[in-house]
Amino acid sequence: MGRAIRDRKDRKGRKAIRADRRDRRGRKGESGPQGPSGEVTEAELSAAINGTSANTNGIATLDTPFGNDPLSLADGELLRAKLNELILNGRR
């Protein structure tokens, strides 16, 4: 299958050889066989995602309401420590 090649000059007058646009695409090939499925099954992926919430089970909740309005420095420090605990636990 030959390509239609034409001699042309570019904008600066230099000789340029270009293939005809109709020949650039080629024929569409036949469909191949169905490939193997991914590395994990749908069930394995779901099980892995569903288990991620358990990462924070070891962190205690802040069940005691804060009595100060606005928050005291001690209450703010407790919130900061709890947030750091949550962030560090999520990195495991």
N, C-alpha and C. Protein backbone atom coordinates (compact mmCIF):
# COMPACT_ATOMS: atom_id res chain seq x y z
N MET A 1 0.85 -1.16 0.00
CA MET A 1 0.00 0.00 0.00
C MET A 1 0.90 1.23 0.00
N GLY A 2 0.92 1.94 -1.06
CA GLY A 2 1.79 3.10 -1.17
C GLY A 2 1.13 4.37 -0.68
N ARG A 3 1.93 5.27 -0.23
CA ARG A 3 1.42 6.57 0.21
C ARG A 3 1.57 7.57 -0.92
N ALA A 4 0.63 8.45 -0.96
CA ALA A 4 0.74 9.53 -1.94
C ALA A 4 1.61 10.61 -1.32
N ILE A 5 2.81 10.74 -1.81
CA ILE A 5 3.74 11.72 -1.27
C ILE A 5 3.91 12.82 -2.29
N ARG A 6 3.81 14.04 -1.83
CA ARG A 6 3.92 15.18 -2.72
C ARG A 6 5.07 16.08 -2.26
N ASP A 7 5.72 16.67 -3.21
CA ASP A 7 6.74 17.67 -2.90
C ASP A 7 6.04 19.01 -2.76
N ARG A 8 6.29 19.67 -1.67
CA ARG A 8 5.72 21.00 -1.44
C ARG A 8 6.80 21.90 -0.89
N LYS A 9 6.49 23.14 -0.84
CA LYS A 9 7.39 24.09 -0.22
C LYS A 9 6.70 24.67 1.01
N ASP A 10 7.47 24.82 2.07
CA ASP A 10 6.88 25.41 3.26
C ASP A 10 6.82 26.92 3.12
N ARG A 11 6.43 27.61 4.16
CA ARG A 11 6.22 29.06 4.09
C ARG A 11 7.50 29.83 3.79
N LYS A 12 8.64 29.26 4.14
CA LYS A 12 9.91 29.94 3.88
C LYS A 12 10.52 29.55 2.54
N GLY A 13 9.78 28.77 1.76
CA GLY A 13 10.25 28.40 0.44
C GLY A 13 11.12 27.15 0.42
N ARG A 14 11.30 26.50 1.57
CA ARG A 14 12.09 25.28 1.60
C ARG A 14 11.26 24.11 1.11
N LYS A 15 11.91 23.14 0.51
CA LYS A 15 11.21 21.97 0.01
C LYS A 15 10.78 21.09 1.18
N ALA A 16 9.54 20.69 1.19
CA ALA A 16 9.00 19.85 2.26
C ALA A 16 8.27 18.67 1.63
N ILE A 17 8.49 17.49 2.15
CA ILE A 17 7.81 16.30 1.66
C ILE A 17 6.77 15.91 2.70
N ARG A 18 5.53 15.80 2.26
CA ARG A 18 4.45 15.46 3.17
C ARG A 18 3.59 14.37 2.58
N ALA A 19 3.10 13.51 3.46
CA ALA A 19 2.18 12.46 3.01
C ALA A 19 0.79 13.06 2.87
N ASP A 20 0.05 12.56 1.94
CA ASP A 20 -1.31 13.01 1.75
C ASP A 20 -2.13 12.67 2.98
N ARG A 21 -3.01 13.55 3.42
CA ARG A 21 -3.79 13.34 4.64
C ARG A 21 -4.66 12.10 4.59
N ARG A 22 -5.14 11.74 3.44
CA ARG A 22 -6.00 10.56 3.34
C ARG A 22 -5.27 9.30 3.72
N ASP A 23 -3.97 9.26 3.55
CA ASP A 23 -3.20 8.06 3.85
C ASP A 23 -2.69 7.99 5.28
N ARG A 24 -2.88 9.01 6.07
CA ARG A 24 -2.36 9.02 7.43
C ARG A 24 -3.14 8.12 8.37
N ARG A 25 -4.39 7.89 8.09
CA ARG A 25 -5.23 7.15 9.03
C ARG A 25 -5.08 5.65 8.94
N GLY A 26 -4.94 5.07 7.88
CA GLY A 26 -4.85 3.61 7.77
C GLY A 26 -6.19 2.94 7.98
N ARG A 27 -6.20 1.64 7.77
CA ARG A 27 -7.44 0.88 7.90
C ARG A 27 -7.70 0.53 9.35
N LYS A 28 -8.98 0.35 9.68
CA LYS A 28 -9.36 -0.06 11.02
C LYS A 28 -9.12 -1.56 11.14
N GLY A 29 -8.41 -1.95 12.18
CA GLY A 29 -8.10 -3.36 12.38
C GLY A 29 -9.26 -4.13 12.98
N GLU A 30 -9.08 -5.43 13.04
CA GLU A 30 -10.11 -6.29 13.62
C GLU A 30 -10.08 -6.18 15.14
N SER A 31 -11.22 -6.44 15.76
CA SER A 31 -11.28 -6.43 17.22
C SER A 31 -10.54 -7.64 17.77
N GLY A 32 -9.78 -7.42 18.81
CA GLY A 32 -9.03 -8.50 19.43
C GLY A 32 -9.86 -9.23 20.48
N PRO A 33 -9.32 -10.28 21.05
CA PRO A 33 -10.05 -11.02 22.07
C PRO A 33 -10.17 -10.19 23.36
N GLN A 34 -11.17 -10.51 24.18
CA GLN A 34 -11.36 -9.82 25.44
C GLN A 34 -10.17 -10.09 26.35
N GLY A 35 -9.59 -9.06 26.89
CA GLY A 35 -8.43 -9.21 27.76
C GLY A 35 -8.82 -9.69 29.15
N PRO A 36 -7.82 -10.03 29.95
CA PRO A 36 -8.12 -10.49 31.31
C PRO A 36 -8.68 -9.34 32.14
N SER A 37 -9.45 -9.69 33.18
CA SER A 37 -10.01 -8.65 34.03
C SER A 37 -8.89 -8.00 34.84
N GLY A 38 -9.21 -6.93 35.53
CA GLY A 38 -8.22 -6.17 36.30
C GLY A 38 -7.55 -7.01 37.38
N GLU A 39 -6.63 -6.38 38.08
CA GLU A 39 -5.86 -7.09 39.10
C GLU A 39 -6.71 -7.47 40.30
N VAL A 40 -7.77 -6.71 40.59
CA VAL A 40 -8.64 -7.02 41.71
C VAL A 40 -10.07 -7.19 41.20
N THR A 41 -10.82 -8.00 41.91
CA THR A 41 -12.22 -8.18 41.54
C THR A 41 -13.04 -7.06 42.15
N GLU A 42 -14.26 -6.94 41.69
CA GLU A 42 -15.17 -5.92 42.23
C GLU A 42 -15.41 -6.16 43.72
N ALA A 43 -15.53 -7.42 44.11
CA ALA A 43 -15.77 -7.76 45.52
C ALA A 43 -14.55 -7.40 46.38
N GLU A 44 -13.35 -7.65 45.87
CA GLU A 44 -12.14 -7.30 46.63
C GLU A 44 -12.02 -5.78 46.81
N LEU A 45 -12.35 -5.04 45.77
CA LEU A 45 -12.29 -3.59 45.85
C LEU A 45 -13.31 -3.06 46.86
N SER A 46 -14.52 -3.59 46.82
CA SER A 46 -15.56 -3.16 47.76
C SER A 46 -15.16 -3.48 49.19
N ALA A 47 -14.59 -4.66 49.42
CA ALA A 47 -14.17 -5.03 50.77
C ALA A 47 -13.07 -4.11 51.28
N ALA A 48 -12.16 -3.73 50.41
CA ALA A 48 -11.07 -2.83 50.82
C ALA A 48 -11.60 -1.44 51.15
N ILE A 49 -12.53 -0.94 50.35
CA ILE A 49 -13.09 0.38 50.61
C ILE A 49 -13.95 0.37 51.87
N ASN A 50 -14.74 -0.66 52.05
CA ASN A 50 -15.62 -0.73 53.22
C ASN A 50 -14.82 -0.84 54.52
N GLY A 51 -13.62 -1.35 54.47
CA GLY A 51 -12.81 -1.49 55.68
C GLY A 51 -12.08 -0.23 56.08
N THR A 52 -12.07 0.80 55.24
CA THR A 52 -11.28 1.98 55.56
C THR A 52 -11.87 2.79 56.70
N SER A 53 -13.16 2.72 56.93
CA SER A 53 -13.77 3.46 58.03
C SER A 53 -13.29 2.95 59.37
N ALA A 54 -12.90 1.69 59.45
CA ALA A 54 -12.43 1.11 60.71
C ALA A 54 -11.09 1.68 61.14
N ASN A 55 -10.41 2.45 60.27
CA ASN A 55 -9.12 3.02 60.65
C ASN A 55 -9.24 3.95 61.84
N THR A 56 -10.38 4.57 62.04
CA THR A 56 -10.54 5.53 63.13
C THR A 56 -11.20 4.93 64.36
N ASN A 57 -11.44 3.63 64.40
CA ASN A 57 -12.11 3.01 65.54
C ASN A 57 -11.34 3.17 66.84
N GLY A 58 -10.02 3.30 66.80
CA GLY A 58 -9.23 3.43 68.01
C GLY A 58 -9.22 4.83 68.60
N ILE A 59 -9.86 5.79 67.96
CA ILE A 59 -9.87 7.16 68.46
C ILE A 59 -11.15 7.40 69.24
N ALA A 60 -11.00 7.82 70.48
CA ALA A 60 -12.17 8.07 71.32
C ALA A 60 -12.88 9.33 70.85
N THR A 61 -14.20 9.38 71.07
CA THR A 61 -14.98 10.54 70.67
C THR A 61 -14.93 11.61 71.75
N LEU A 62 -15.35 12.81 71.39
CA LEU A 62 -15.43 13.91 72.36
C LEU A 62 -16.86 13.97 72.89
N ASP A 63 -17.19 13.07 73.82
CA ASP A 63 -18.56 12.98 74.30
C ASP A 63 -18.92 14.06 75.31
N THR A 64 -17.94 14.60 76.00
CA THR A 64 -18.22 15.60 77.02
C THR A 64 -18.39 16.97 76.35
N PRO A 65 -19.52 17.62 76.57
CA PRO A 65 -19.71 18.94 75.95
C PRO A 65 -18.78 19.98 76.60
N PHE A 66 -18.41 20.96 75.81
CA PHE A 66 -17.58 22.04 76.33
C PHE A 66 -18.48 23.02 77.07
N GLY A 67 -18.08 23.40 78.27
CA GLY A 67 -18.91 24.28 79.08
C GLY A 67 -18.63 25.75 78.88
N ASN A 68 -17.56 26.08 78.24
CA ASN A 68 -17.18 27.48 78.08
C ASN A 68 -17.62 28.02 76.72
N ASP A 69 -18.16 29.23 76.73
CA ASP A 69 -18.50 29.89 75.48
C ASP A 69 -17.98 31.31 75.55
N PRO A 70 -16.98 31.70 74.87
CA PRO A 70 -16.21 30.96 73.88
C PRO A 70 -15.33 29.90 74.54
N LEU A 71 -14.77 29.04 73.71
CA LEU A 71 -13.93 27.96 74.23
C LEU A 71 -12.73 28.50 74.98
N SER A 72 -12.38 27.80 76.05
CA SER A 72 -11.19 28.18 76.79
C SER A 72 -9.96 27.67 76.05
N LEU A 73 -8.80 28.14 76.48
CA LEU A 73 -7.55 27.69 75.88
C LEU A 73 -7.38 26.18 76.06
N ALA A 74 -7.78 25.65 77.21
CA ALA A 74 -7.68 24.21 77.46
C ALA A 74 -8.59 23.42 76.53
N ASP A 75 -9.82 23.94 76.30
CA ASP A 75 -10.74 23.26 75.38
C ASP A 75 -10.20 23.27 73.95
N GLY A 76 -9.62 24.39 73.54
CA GLY A 76 -9.02 24.49 72.22
C GLY A 76 -7.85 23.53 72.06
N GLU A 77 -7.06 23.41 73.12
CA GLU A 77 -5.92 22.47 73.08
C GLU A 77 -6.42 21.03 72.99
N LEU A 78 -7.51 20.71 73.68
CA LEU A 78 -8.09 19.36 73.60
C LEU A 78 -8.56 19.07 72.17
N LEU A 79 -9.20 20.04 71.53
CA LEU A 79 -9.65 19.87 70.14
C LEU A 79 -8.46 19.68 69.20
N ARG A 80 -7.39 20.49 69.41
CA ARG A 80 -6.20 20.37 68.58
C ARG A 80 -5.57 18.99 68.71
N ALA A 81 -5.46 18.50 69.93
CA ALA A 81 -4.87 17.18 70.16
C ALA A 81 -5.71 16.08 69.52
N LYS A 82 -7.04 16.20 69.64
CA LYS A 82 -7.93 15.18 69.06
C LYS A 82 -7.85 15.20 67.53
N LEU A 83 -7.78 16.38 66.94
CA LEU A 83 -7.65 16.48 65.49
C LEU A 83 -6.32 15.90 65.02
N ASN A 84 -5.25 16.19 65.74
CA ASN A 84 -3.95 15.59 65.39
C ASN A 84 -3.99 14.07 65.49
N GLU A 85 -4.66 13.56 66.52
CA GLU A 85 -4.78 12.10 66.68
C GLU A 85 -5.52 11.50 65.48
N LEU A 86 -6.58 12.17 65.04
CA LEU A 86 -7.35 11.69 63.89
C LEU A 86 -6.52 11.73 62.61
N ILE A 87 -5.79 12.81 62.40
CA ILE A 87 -4.97 12.94 61.19
C ILE A 87 -3.88 11.89 61.18
N LEU A 88 -3.18 11.72 62.29
CA LEU A 88 -2.09 10.74 62.34
C LEU A 88 -2.60 9.32 62.18
N ASN A 89 -3.78 9.03 62.73
CA ASN A 89 -4.35 7.70 62.59
C ASN A 89 -4.73 7.42 61.15
N GLY A 90 -5.18 8.44 60.42
CA GLY A 90 -5.55 8.27 59.01
C GLY A 90 -4.36 8.02 58.11
N ARG A 91 -3.15 8.34 58.55
CA ARG A 91 -1.96 8.15 57.73
C ARG A 91 -1.43 6.73 57.77
N ARG A 92 -1.90 5.92 58.67
CA ARG A 92 -1.41 4.54 58.77
C ARG A 92 -1.86 3.70 57.62
